[in-house]
PDB file of N, CA and C in Angstrom:
ATOM      1  N   UNK A   1      -3.177 -19.744  52.914  1.00  0.00           N
ATOM      2  CA  UNK A   1      -2.314 -18.649  52.491  1.00  0.00           C
ATOM      3  C   UNK A   1      -1.135 -19.220  51.705  1.00  0.00           C
ATOM      4  N   UNK A   2      -0.814 -18.581  50.592  1.00  0.00           N
ATOM      5  CA  UNK A   2       0.255 -19.085  49.749  1.00  0.00           C
ATOM      6  C   UNK A   2       1.609 -18.576  50.225  1.00  0.00           C
ATOM      7  N   UNK A   3       2.561 -19.458  50.190  1.00  0.00           N
ATOM      8  CA  UNK A   3       3.939 -19.086  50.526  1.00  0.00           C
ATOM      9  C   UNK A   3       4.547 -18.386  49.312  1.00  0.00           C
ATOM     10  N   UNK A   4       5.342 -17.383  49.550  1.00  0.00           N
ATOM     11  CA  UNK A   4       5.958 -16.636  48.448  1.00  0.00           C
ATOM     12  C   UNK A   4       6.915 -17.511  47.645  1.00  0.00           C
ATOM     13  N   UNK A   5       7.356 -18.630  48.220  1.00  0.00           N
ATOM     14  CA  UNK A   5       8.280 -19.505  47.518  1.00  0.00           C
ATOM     15  C   UNK A   5       7.578 -20.658  46.809  1.00  0.00           C
ATOM     16  N   UNK A   6       6.305 -20.842  47.013  1.00  0.00           N
ATOM     17  CA  UNK A   6       5.582 -21.914  46.340  1.00  0.00           C
ATOM     18  C   UNK A   6       5.360 -21.535  44.879  1.00  0.00           C
ATOM     19  N   UNK A   7       5.134 -22.527  44.015  1.00  0.00           N
ATOM     20  CA  UNK A   7       4.907 -22.207  42.600  1.00  0.00           C
ATOM     21  C   UNK A   7       3.732 -21.257  42.383  1.00  0.00           C
ATOM     22  N   UNK A   8       2.686 -21.378  43.192  1.00  0.00           N
ATOM     23  CA  UNK A   8       1.537 -20.497  43.040  1.00  0.00           C
ATOM     24  C   UNK A   8       1.813 -19.096  43.590  1.00  0.00           C
ATOM     25  N   UNK A   9       2.748 -18.963  44.503  1.00  0.00           N
ATOM     26  CA  UNK A   9       3.013 -17.690  45.156  1.00  0.00           C
ATOM     27  C   UNK A   9       4.161 -16.902  44.573  1.00  0.00           C
ATOM     28  N   UNK A  10       4.764 -17.360  43.484  1.00  0.00           N
ATOM     29  CA  UNK A  10       5.904 -16.658  42.892  1.00  0.00           C
ATOM     30  C   UNK A  10       5.524 -15.282  42.362  1.00  0.00           C
ATOM     31  N   UNK A  11       4.284 -15.117  41.965  1.00  0.00           N
ATOM     32  CA  UNK A  11       3.874 -13.830  41.415  1.00  0.00           C
ATOM     33  C   UNK A  11       3.447 -12.841  42.494  1.00  0.00           C
ATOM     34  N   UNK A  12       3.317 -13.266  43.713  1.00  0.00           N
ATOM     35  CA  UNK A  12       2.840 -12.403  44.801  1.00  0.00           C
ATOM     36  C   UNK A  12       3.701 -11.155  44.985  1.00  0.00           C
ATOM     37  N   UNK A  13       5.029 -11.260  45.083  1.00  0.00           N
ATOM     38  CA  UNK A  13       5.837 -10.027  45.240  1.00  0.00           C
ATOM     39  C   UNK A  13       5.684  -9.075  44.054  1.00  0.00           C
ATOM     40  N   UNK A  14       5.547  -9.620  42.858  1.00  0.00           N
ATOM     41  CA  UNK A  14       5.348  -8.770  41.680  1.00  0.00           C
ATOM     42  C   UNK A  14       4.015  -8.038  41.760  1.00  0.00           C
ATOM     43  N   UNK A  15       2.982  -8.731  42.203  1.00  0.00           N
ATOM     44  CA  UNK A  15       1.665  -8.104  42.328  1.00  0.00           C
ATOM     45  C   UNK A  15       1.689  -6.975  43.351  1.00  0.00           C
ATOM     46  N   UNK A  16       2.368  -7.181  44.453  1.00  0.00           N
ATOM     47  CA  UNK A  16       2.461  -6.148  45.485  1.00  0.00           C
ATOM     48  C   UNK A  16       3.230  -4.942  44.943  1.00  0.00           C
ATOM     49  N   UNK A  17       4.350  -5.194  44.262  1.00  0.00           N
ATOM     50  CA  UNK A  17       5.140  -4.092  43.695  1.00  0.00           C
ATOM     51  C   UNK A  17       4.345  -3.340  42.634  1.00  0.00           C
ATOM     52  N   UNK A  18       3.600  -4.069  41.799  1.00  0.00           N
ATOM     53  CA  UNK A  18       2.782  -3.429  40.772  1.00  0.00           C
ATOM     54  C   UNK A  18       1.671  -2.591  41.396  1.00  0.00           C
ATOM     55  N   UNK A  19       1.054  -3.099  42.448  1.00  0.00           N
ATOM     56  CA  UNK A  19      -0.005  -2.352  43.126  1.00  0.00           C
ATOM     57  C   UNK A  19       0.546  -1.054  43.728  1.00  0.00           C
ATOM     58  N   UNK A  20       1.701  -1.123  44.358  1.00  0.00           N
ATOM     59  CA  UNK A  20       2.306   0.081  44.944  1.00  0.00           C
ATOM     60  C   UNK A  20       2.704   1.087  43.859  1.00  0.00           C
ATOM     61  N   UNK A  21       3.280   0.599  42.776  1.00  0.00           N
ATOM     62  CA  UNK A  21       3.652   1.489  41.668  1.00  0.00           C
ATOM     63  C   UNK A  21       2.407   2.130  41.051  1.00  0.00           C
ATOM     64  N   UNK A  22       1.338   1.369  40.961  1.00  0.00           N
ATOM     65  CA  UNK A  22       0.098   1.896  40.401  1.00  0.00           C
ATOM     66  C   UNK A  22      -0.493   2.982  41.298  1.00  0.00           C
ATOM     67  N   UNK A  23      -0.422   2.797  42.607  1.00  0.00           N
ATOM     68  CA  UNK A  23      -0.908   3.830  43.535  1.00  0.00           C
ATOM     69  C   UNK A  23      -0.123   5.123  43.389  1.00  0.00           C
ATOM     70  N   UNK A  24       1.186   5.018  43.226  1.00  0.00           N
ATOM     71  CA  UNK A  24       2.020   6.211  43.023  1.00  0.00           C
ATOM     72  C   UNK A  24       1.651   6.875  41.701  1.00  0.00           C
ATOM     73  N   UNK A  25       1.455   6.071  40.659  1.00  0.00           N
ATOM     74  CA  UNK A  25       1.079   6.606  39.356  1.00  0.00           C
ATOM     75  C   UNK A  25      -0.269   7.321  39.428  1.00  0.00           C
ATOM     76  N   UNK A  26      -1.229   6.728  40.113  1.00  0.00           N
ATOM     77  CA  UNK A  26      -2.555   7.335  40.241  1.00  0.00           C
ATOM     78  C   UNK A  26      -2.469   8.659  40.994  1.00  0.00           C
ATOM     79  N   UNK A  27      -1.632   8.728  42.016  1.00  0.00           N
ATOM     80  CA  UNK A  27      -1.450   9.977  42.750  1.00  0.00           C
ATOM     81  C   UNK A  27      -0.960  11.082  41.805  1.00  0.00           C
ATOM     82  N   UNK A  28       0.066  10.776  41.025  1.00  0.00           N
ATOM     83  CA  UNK A  28       0.602  11.765  40.083  1.00  0.00           C
ATOM     84  C   UNK A  28      -0.397  12.145  39.010  1.00  0.00           C
ATOM     85  N   UNK A  29      -1.190  11.191  38.566  1.00  0.00           N
ATOM     86  CA  UNK A  29      -2.202  11.445  37.545  1.00  0.00           C
ATOM     87  C   UNK A  29      -3.301  12.349  38.092  1.00  0.00           C
ATOM     88  N   UNK A  30      -3.765  12.066  39.297  1.00  0.00           N
ATOM     89  CA  UNK A  30      -4.834  12.867  39.889  1.00  0.00           C
ATOM     90  C   UNK A  30      -4.360  14.271  40.250  1.00  0.00           C
ATOM     91  N   UNK A  31      -3.087  14.439  40.552  1.00  0.00           N
ATOM     92  CA  UNK A  31      -2.537  15.754  40.859  1.00  0.00           C
ATOM     93  C   UNK A  31      -2.079  16.492  39.596  1.00  0.00           C
ATOM     94  N   UNK A  32      -2.361  15.906  38.432  1.00  0.00           N
ATOM     95  CA  UNK A  32      -2.033  16.486  37.125  1.00  0.00           C
ATOM     96  C   UNK A  32      -0.538  16.767  36.965  1.00  0.00           C
ATOM     97  N   UNK A  33       0.271  15.843  37.424  1.00  0.00           N
ATOM     98  CA  UNK A  33       1.721  15.969  37.270  1.00  0.00           C
ATOM     99  C   UNK A  33       2.142  15.433  35.908  1.00  0.00           C
ATOM    100  N   UNK A  34       3.185  16.012  35.333  1.00  0.00           N
ATOM    101  CA  UNK A  34       3.681  15.537  34.045  1.00  0.00           C
ATOM    102  C   UNK A  34       4.115  14.084  34.124  1.00  0.00           C
ATOM    103  N   UNK A  35       4.789  13.729  35.217  1.00  0.00           N
ATOM    104  CA  UNK A  35       5.241  12.342  35.352  1.00  0.00           C
ATOM    105  C   UNK A  35       4.051  11.397  35.508  1.00  0.00           C
ATOM    106  N   UNK A  36       2.945  11.874  36.075  1.00  0.00           N
ATOM    107  CA  UNK A  36       1.732  11.066  36.179  1.00  0.00           C
ATOM    108  C   UNK A  36       1.121  10.826  34.807  1.00  0.00           C
ATOM    109  N   UNK A  37       1.172  11.853  33.955  1.00  0.00           N
ATOM    110  CA  UNK A  37       0.696  11.721  32.577  1.00  0.00           C
ATOM    111  C   UNK A  37       1.498  10.656  31.839  1.00  0.00           C
ATOM    112  N   UNK A  38       2.833  10.775  31.886  1.00  0.00           N
ATOM    113  CA  UNK A  38       3.673   9.832  31.161  1.00  0.00           C
ATOM    114  C   UNK A  38       3.599   8.426  31.760  1.00  0.00           C
ATOM    115  N   UNK A  39       3.440   8.343  33.060  1.00  0.00           N
ATOM    116  CA  UNK A  39       3.283   7.029  33.690  1.00  0.00           C
ATOM    117  C   UNK A  39       1.992   6.362  33.227  1.00  0.00           C
ATOM    118  N   UNK A  40       0.899   7.138  33.142  1.00  0.00           N
ATOM    119  CA  UNK A  40      -0.375   6.572  32.698  1.00  0.00           C
ATOM    120  C   UNK A  40      -0.316   6.174  31.230  1.00  0.00           C
ATOM    121  N   UNK A  41       0.327   6.981  30.408  1.00  0.00           N
ATOM    122  CA  UNK A  41       0.502   6.630  28.996  1.00  0.00           C
ATOM    123  C   UNK A  41       1.276   5.312  28.887  1.00  0.00           C
ATOM    124  N   UNK A  42       2.373   5.207  29.606  1.00  0.00           N
ATOM    125  CA  UNK A  42       3.195   3.989  29.569  1.00  0.00           C
ATOM    126  C   UNK A  42       2.425   2.785  30.076  1.00  0.00           C
ATOM    127  N   UNK A  43       1.741   2.954  31.205  1.00  0.00           N
ATOM    128  CA  UNK A  43       0.976   1.877  31.822  1.00  0.00           C
ATOM    129  C   UNK A  43      -0.138   1.395  30.889  1.00  0.00           C
ATOM    130  N   UNK A  44      -0.886   2.316  30.321  1.00  0.00           N
ATOM    131  CA  UNK A  44      -1.985   1.946  29.427  1.00  0.00           C
ATOM    132  C   UNK A  44      -1.465   1.267  28.166  1.00  0.00           C
ATOM    133  N   UNK A  45      -0.381   1.792  27.628  1.00  0.00           N
ATOM    134  CA  UNK A  45       0.192   1.189  26.424  1.00  0.00           C
ATOM    135  C   UNK A  45       0.723  -0.209  26.714  1.00  0.00           C
ATOM    136  N   UNK A  46       1.445  -0.362  27.820  1.00  0.00           N
ATOM    137  CA  UNK A  46       2.017  -1.658  28.180  1.00  0.00           C
ATOM    138  C   UNK A  46       0.932  -2.708  28.401  1.00  0.00           C
ATOM    139  N   UNK A  47      -0.056  -2.382  29.237  1.00  0.00           N
ATOM    140  CA  UNK A  47      -1.083  -3.367  29.544  1.00  0.00           C
ATOM    141  C   UNK A  47      -2.052  -3.557  28.378  1.00  0.00           C
ATOM    142  N   UNK A  48      -2.229  -2.552  27.543  1.00  0.00           N
ATOM    143  CA  UNK A  48      -3.015  -2.734  26.326  1.00  0.00           C
ATOM    144  C   UNK A  48      -2.321  -3.690  25.363  1.00  0.00           C
ATOM    145  N   UNK A  49      -1.018  -3.551  25.248  1.00  0.00           N
ATOM    146  CA  UNK A  49      -0.236  -4.442  24.388  1.00  0.00           C
ATOM    147  C   UNK A  49      -0.254  -5.872  24.919  1.00  0.00           C
ATOM    148  N   UNK A  50      -0.098  -6.030  26.219  1.00  0.00           N
ATOM    149  CA  UNK A  50      -0.169  -7.365  26.823  1.00  0.00           C
ATOM    150  C   UNK A  50      -1.544  -7.979  26.596  1.00  0.00           C
ATOM    151  N   UNK A  51      -2.597  -7.203  26.796  1.00  0.00           N
ATOM    152  CA  UNK A  51      -3.959  -7.706  26.592  1.00  0.00           C
ATOM    153  C   UNK A  51      -4.197  -8.065  25.129  1.00  0.00           C
ATOM    154  N   UNK A  52      -3.652  -7.268  24.214  1.00  0.00           N
ATOM    155  CA  UNK A  52      -3.785  -7.572  22.789  1.00  0.00           C
ATOM    156  C   UNK A  52      -3.111  -8.901  22.461  1.00  0.00           C
ATOM    157  N   UNK A  53      -1.927  -9.113  22.995  1.00  0.00           N
ATOM    158  CA  UNK A  53      -1.219 -10.377  22.765  1.00  0.00           C
ATOM    159  C   UNK A  53      -2.001 -11.557  23.336  1.00  0.00           C
ATOM    160  N   UNK A  54      -2.541 -11.389  24.535  1.00  0.00           N
ATOM    161  CA  UNK A  54      -3.326 -12.466  25.145  1.00  0.00           C
ATOM    162  C   UNK A  54      -4.644 -12.676  24.408  1.00  0.00           C
ATOM    163  N   UNK A  55      -5.253 -11.601  23.907  1.00  0.00           N
ATOM    164  CA  UNK A  55      -6.485 -11.719  23.117  1.00  0.00           C
ATOM    165  C   UNK A  55      -6.217 -12.515  21.849  1.00  0.00           C
ATOM    166  N   UNK A  56      -5.095 -12.230  21.206  1.00  0.00           N
ATOM    167  CA  UNK A  56      -4.744 -12.944  19.980  1.00  0.00           C
ATOM    168  C   UNK A  56      -4.522 -14.427  20.236  1.00  0.00           C
ATOM    169  N   UNK A  57      -3.997 -14.746  21.395  1.00  0.00           N
ATOM    170  CA  UNK A  57      -3.684 -16.139  21.715  1.00  0.00           C
ATOM    171  C   UNK A  57      -4.887 -16.905  22.269  1.00  0.00           C
ATOM    172  N   UNK A  58      -5.743 -16.245  23.065  1.00  0.00           N
ATOM    173  CA  UNK A  58      -6.781 -16.971  23.798  1.00  0.00           C
ATOM    174  C   UNK A  58      -8.215 -16.620  23.419  1.00  0.00           C
ATOM    175  N   UNK A  59      -8.467 -15.497  22.809  1.00  0.00           N
ATOM    176  CA  UNK A  59      -9.817 -15.073  22.405  1.00  0.00           C
ATOM    177  C   UNK A  59     -10.818 -15.138  23.563  1.00  0.00           C
ATOM    178  N   UNK A  60     -10.438 -14.624  24.707  1.00  0.00           N
ATOM    179  CA  UNK A  60     -11.328 -14.635  25.870  1.00  0.00           C
ATOM    180  C   UNK A  60     -11.744 -13.214  26.219  1.00  0.00           C
ATOM    181  N   UNK A  61     -12.953 -13.070  26.717  1.00  0.00           N
ATOM    182  CA  UNK A  61     -13.534 -11.764  27.001  1.00  0.00           C
ATOM    183  C   UNK A  61     -12.708 -10.918  27.962  1.00  0.00           C
ATOM    184  N   UNK A  62     -12.150 -11.456  29.065  1.00  0.00           N
ATOM    185  CA  UNK A  62     -11.397 -10.555  29.967  1.00  0.00           C
ATOM    186  C   UNK A  62     -10.232  -9.848  29.270  1.00  0.00           C
ATOM    187  N   UNK A  63      -9.564 -10.538  28.376  1.00  0.00           N
ATOM    188  CA  UNK A  63      -8.438  -9.922  27.679  1.00  0.00           C
ATOM    189  C   UNK A  63      -8.918  -8.852  26.700  1.00  0.00           C
ATOM    190  N   UNK A  64     -10.023  -9.111  26.030  1.00  0.00           N
ATOM    191  CA  UNK A  64     -10.590  -8.133  25.098  1.00  0.00           C
ATOM    192  C   UNK A  64     -11.062  -6.895  25.870  1.00  0.00           C
ATOM    193  N   UNK A  65     -11.734  -7.116  26.997  1.00  0.00           N
ATOM    194  CA  UNK A  65     -12.197  -6.001  27.826  1.00  0.00           C
ATOM    195  C   UNK A  65     -11.053  -5.173  28.366  1.00  0.00           C
ATOM    196  N   UNK A  66      -9.991  -5.831  28.812  1.00  0.00           N
ATOM    197  CA  UNK A  66      -8.815  -5.111  29.315  1.00  0.00           C
ATOM    198  C   UNK A  66      -8.162  -4.287  28.212  1.00  0.00           C
ATOM    199  N   UNK A  67      -8.102  -4.858  27.009  1.00  0.00           N
ATOM    200  CA  UNK A  67      -7.502  -4.139  25.890  1.00  0.00           C
ATOM    201  C   UNK A  67      -8.333  -2.901  25.545  1.00  0.00           C
ATOM    202  N   UNK A  68      -9.654  -3.063  25.495  1.00  0.00           N
ATOM    203  CA  UNK A  68     -10.532  -1.929  25.194  1.00  0.00           C
ATOM    204  C   UNK A  68     -10.411  -0.859  26.274  1.00  0.00           C
ATOM    205  N   UNK A  69     -10.376  -1.261  27.543  1.00  0.00           N
ATOM    206  CA  UNK A  69     -10.239  -0.299  28.638  1.00  0.00           C
ATOM    207  C   UNK A  69      -8.913   0.457  28.535  1.00  0.00           C
ATOM    208  N   UNK A  70      -7.834  -0.244  28.229  1.00  0.00           N
ATOM    209  CA  UNK A  70      -6.528   0.408  28.083  1.00  0.00           C
ATOM    210  C   UNK A  70      -6.556   1.428  26.949  1.00  0.00           C
ATOM    211  N   UNK A  71      -7.216   1.088  25.857  1.00  0.00           N
ATOM    212  CA  UNK A  71      -7.323   2.017  24.727  1.00  0.00           C
ATOM    213  C   UNK A  71      -8.133   3.250  25.134  1.00  0.00           C
ATOM    214  N   UNK A  72      -9.233   3.037  25.840  1.00  0.00           N
ATOM    215  CA  UNK A  72     -10.053   4.174  26.283  1.00  0.00           C
ATOM    216  C   UNK A  72      -9.281   5.093  27.230  1.00  0.00           C
ATOM    217  N   UNK A  73      -8.560   4.520  28.185  1.00  0.00           N
ATOM    218  CA  UNK A  73      -7.762   5.329  29.125  1.00  0.00           C
ATOM    219  C   UNK A  73      -6.674   6.076  28.367  1.00  0.00           C
ATOM    220  N   UNK A  74      -6.047   5.416  27.425  1.00  0.00           N
ATOM    221  CA  UNK A  74      -5.004   6.046  26.622  1.00  0.00           C
ATOM    222  C   UNK A  74      -5.569   7.216  25.819  1.00  0.00           C
ATOM    223  N   UNK A  75      -6.706   7.020  25.171  1.00  0.00           N
ATOM    224  CA  UNK A  75      -7.327   8.094  24.393  1.00  0.00           C
ATOM    225  C   UNK A  75      -7.763   9.262  25.278  1.00  0.00           C
ATOM    226  N   UNK A  76      -8.349   8.957  26.431  1.00  0.00           N
ATOM    227  CA  UNK A  76      -8.773  10.021  27.351  1.00  0.00           C
ATOM    228  C   UNK A  76      -7.565  10.810  27.867  1.00  0.00           C
ATOM    229  N   UNK A  77      -6.511  10.106  28.211  1.00  0.00           N
ATOM    230  CA  UNK A  77      -5.311  10.771  28.733  1.00  0.00           C
ATOM    231  C   UNK A  77      -4.700  11.680  27.674  1.00  0.00           C
ATOM    232  N   UNK A  78      -4.643  11.211  26.445  1.00  0.00           N
ATOM    233  CA  UNK A  78      -4.115  12.044  25.360  1.00  0.00           C
ATOM    234  C   UNK A  78      -5.032  13.242  25.108  1.00  0.00           C
ATOM    235  N   UNK A  79      -6.332  13.015  25.174  1.00  0.00           N
ATOM    236  CA  UNK A  79      -7.303  14.094  24.955  1.00  0.00           C
ATOM    237  C   UNK A  79      -7.183  15.201  26.014  1.00  0.00           C
ATOM    238  N   UNK A  80      -6.868  14.848  27.245  1.00  0.00           N
ATOM    239  CA  UNK A  80      -6.787  15.831  28.329  1.00  0.00           C
ATOM    240  C   UNK A  80      -5.346  16.248  28.634  1.00  0.00           C
ATOM    241  N   UNK A  81      -4.436  16.032  27.715  1.00  0.00           N
ATOM    242  CA  UNK A  81      -3.010  16.274  27.974  1.00  0.00           C
ATOM    243  C   UNK A  81      -2.685  17.721  28.341  1.00  0.00           C
ATOM    244  N   UNK A  82      -3.458  18.673  27.848  1.00  0.00           N
ATOM    245  CA  UNK A  82      -3.175  20.088  28.126  1.00  0.00           C
ATOM    246  C   UNK A  82      -3.229  20.391  29.621  1.00  0.00           C
ATOM    247  N   UNK A  83      -4.100  19.714  30.334  1.00  0.00           N
ATOM    248  CA  UNK A  83      -4.222  19.949  31.775  1.00  0.00           C
ATOM    249  C   UNK A  83      -2.940  19.564  32.511  1.00  0.00           C
ATOM    250  N   UNK A  84      -2.199  18.611  31.990  1.00  0.00           N
ATOM    251  CA  UNK A  84      -0.979  18.147  32.639  1.00  0.00           C
ATOM    252  C   UNK A  84       0.203  19.074  32.374  1.00  0.00           C
ATOM    253  N   UNK A  85       0.122  19.853  31.319  1.00  0.00           N
ATOM    254  CA  UNK A  85       1.261  20.664  30.906  1.00  0.00           C
ATOM    255  C   UNK A  85       1.038  22.157  31.092  1.00  0.00           C
ATOM    256  N   UNK A  86       0.006  22.530  31.839  1.00  0.00           N
ATOM    257  CA  UNK A  86      -0.197  23.927  32.190  1.00  0.00           C
ATOM    258  C   UNK A  86       0.771  24.293  33.313  1.00  0.00           C
ATOM    259  N   UNK A  87       1.130  25.551  33.347  1.00  0.00           N
ATOM    260  CA  UNK A  87       1.981  26.014  34.444  1.00  0.00           C
ATOM    261  C   UNK A  87       1.160  25.976  35.722  1.00  0.00           C
ATOM    262  N   UNK A  88       1.664  25.255  36.713  1.00  0.00           N
ATOM    263  CA  UNK A  88       0.921  25.080  37.953  1.00  0.00           C
ATOM    264  C   UNK A  88       1.271  26.185  38.940  1.00  0.00           C
ATOM    265  N   UNK A  89       0.246  26.850  39.442  1.00  0.00           N
ATOM    266  CA  UNK A  89       0.447  27.936  40.399  1.00  0.00           C
ATOM    267  C   UNK A  89       0.675  27.410  41.806  1.00  0.00           C
ATOM    268  N   UNK A  90       0.015  26.332  42.130  1.00  0.00           N
ATOM    269  CA  UNK A  90       0.105  25.761  43.473  1.00  0.00           C
ATOM    270  C   UNK A  90       0.658  24.353  43.389  1.00  0.00           C
ATOM    271  N   UNK A  91       1.506  23.987  44.306  1.00  0.00           N
ATOM    272  CA  UNK A  91       2.107  22.651  44.281  1.00  0.00           C
ATOM    273  C   UNK A  91       1.280  21.670  45.030  1.00  0.00           C
TER     274      UNK A  91
END
């Protein structure tokens, strides 16, 4: 088990925080909340941009796949945007 203070474990708290933030974002997205829509747009754009930068630097398949997936999620989210902005009858 890696210690959070070891060089290999420095990213562990960030990964946990990112996982928790992602779960909250997914909840809002699945419940068709406006903030879930904007969170998914931001998340997809951010990680797509990071993957694009890494693809440009390393030319490795995981980065290319992540970039393509981010683009697909971004396009799907934009395509279904009307569902997020309808007046909701039930909370």
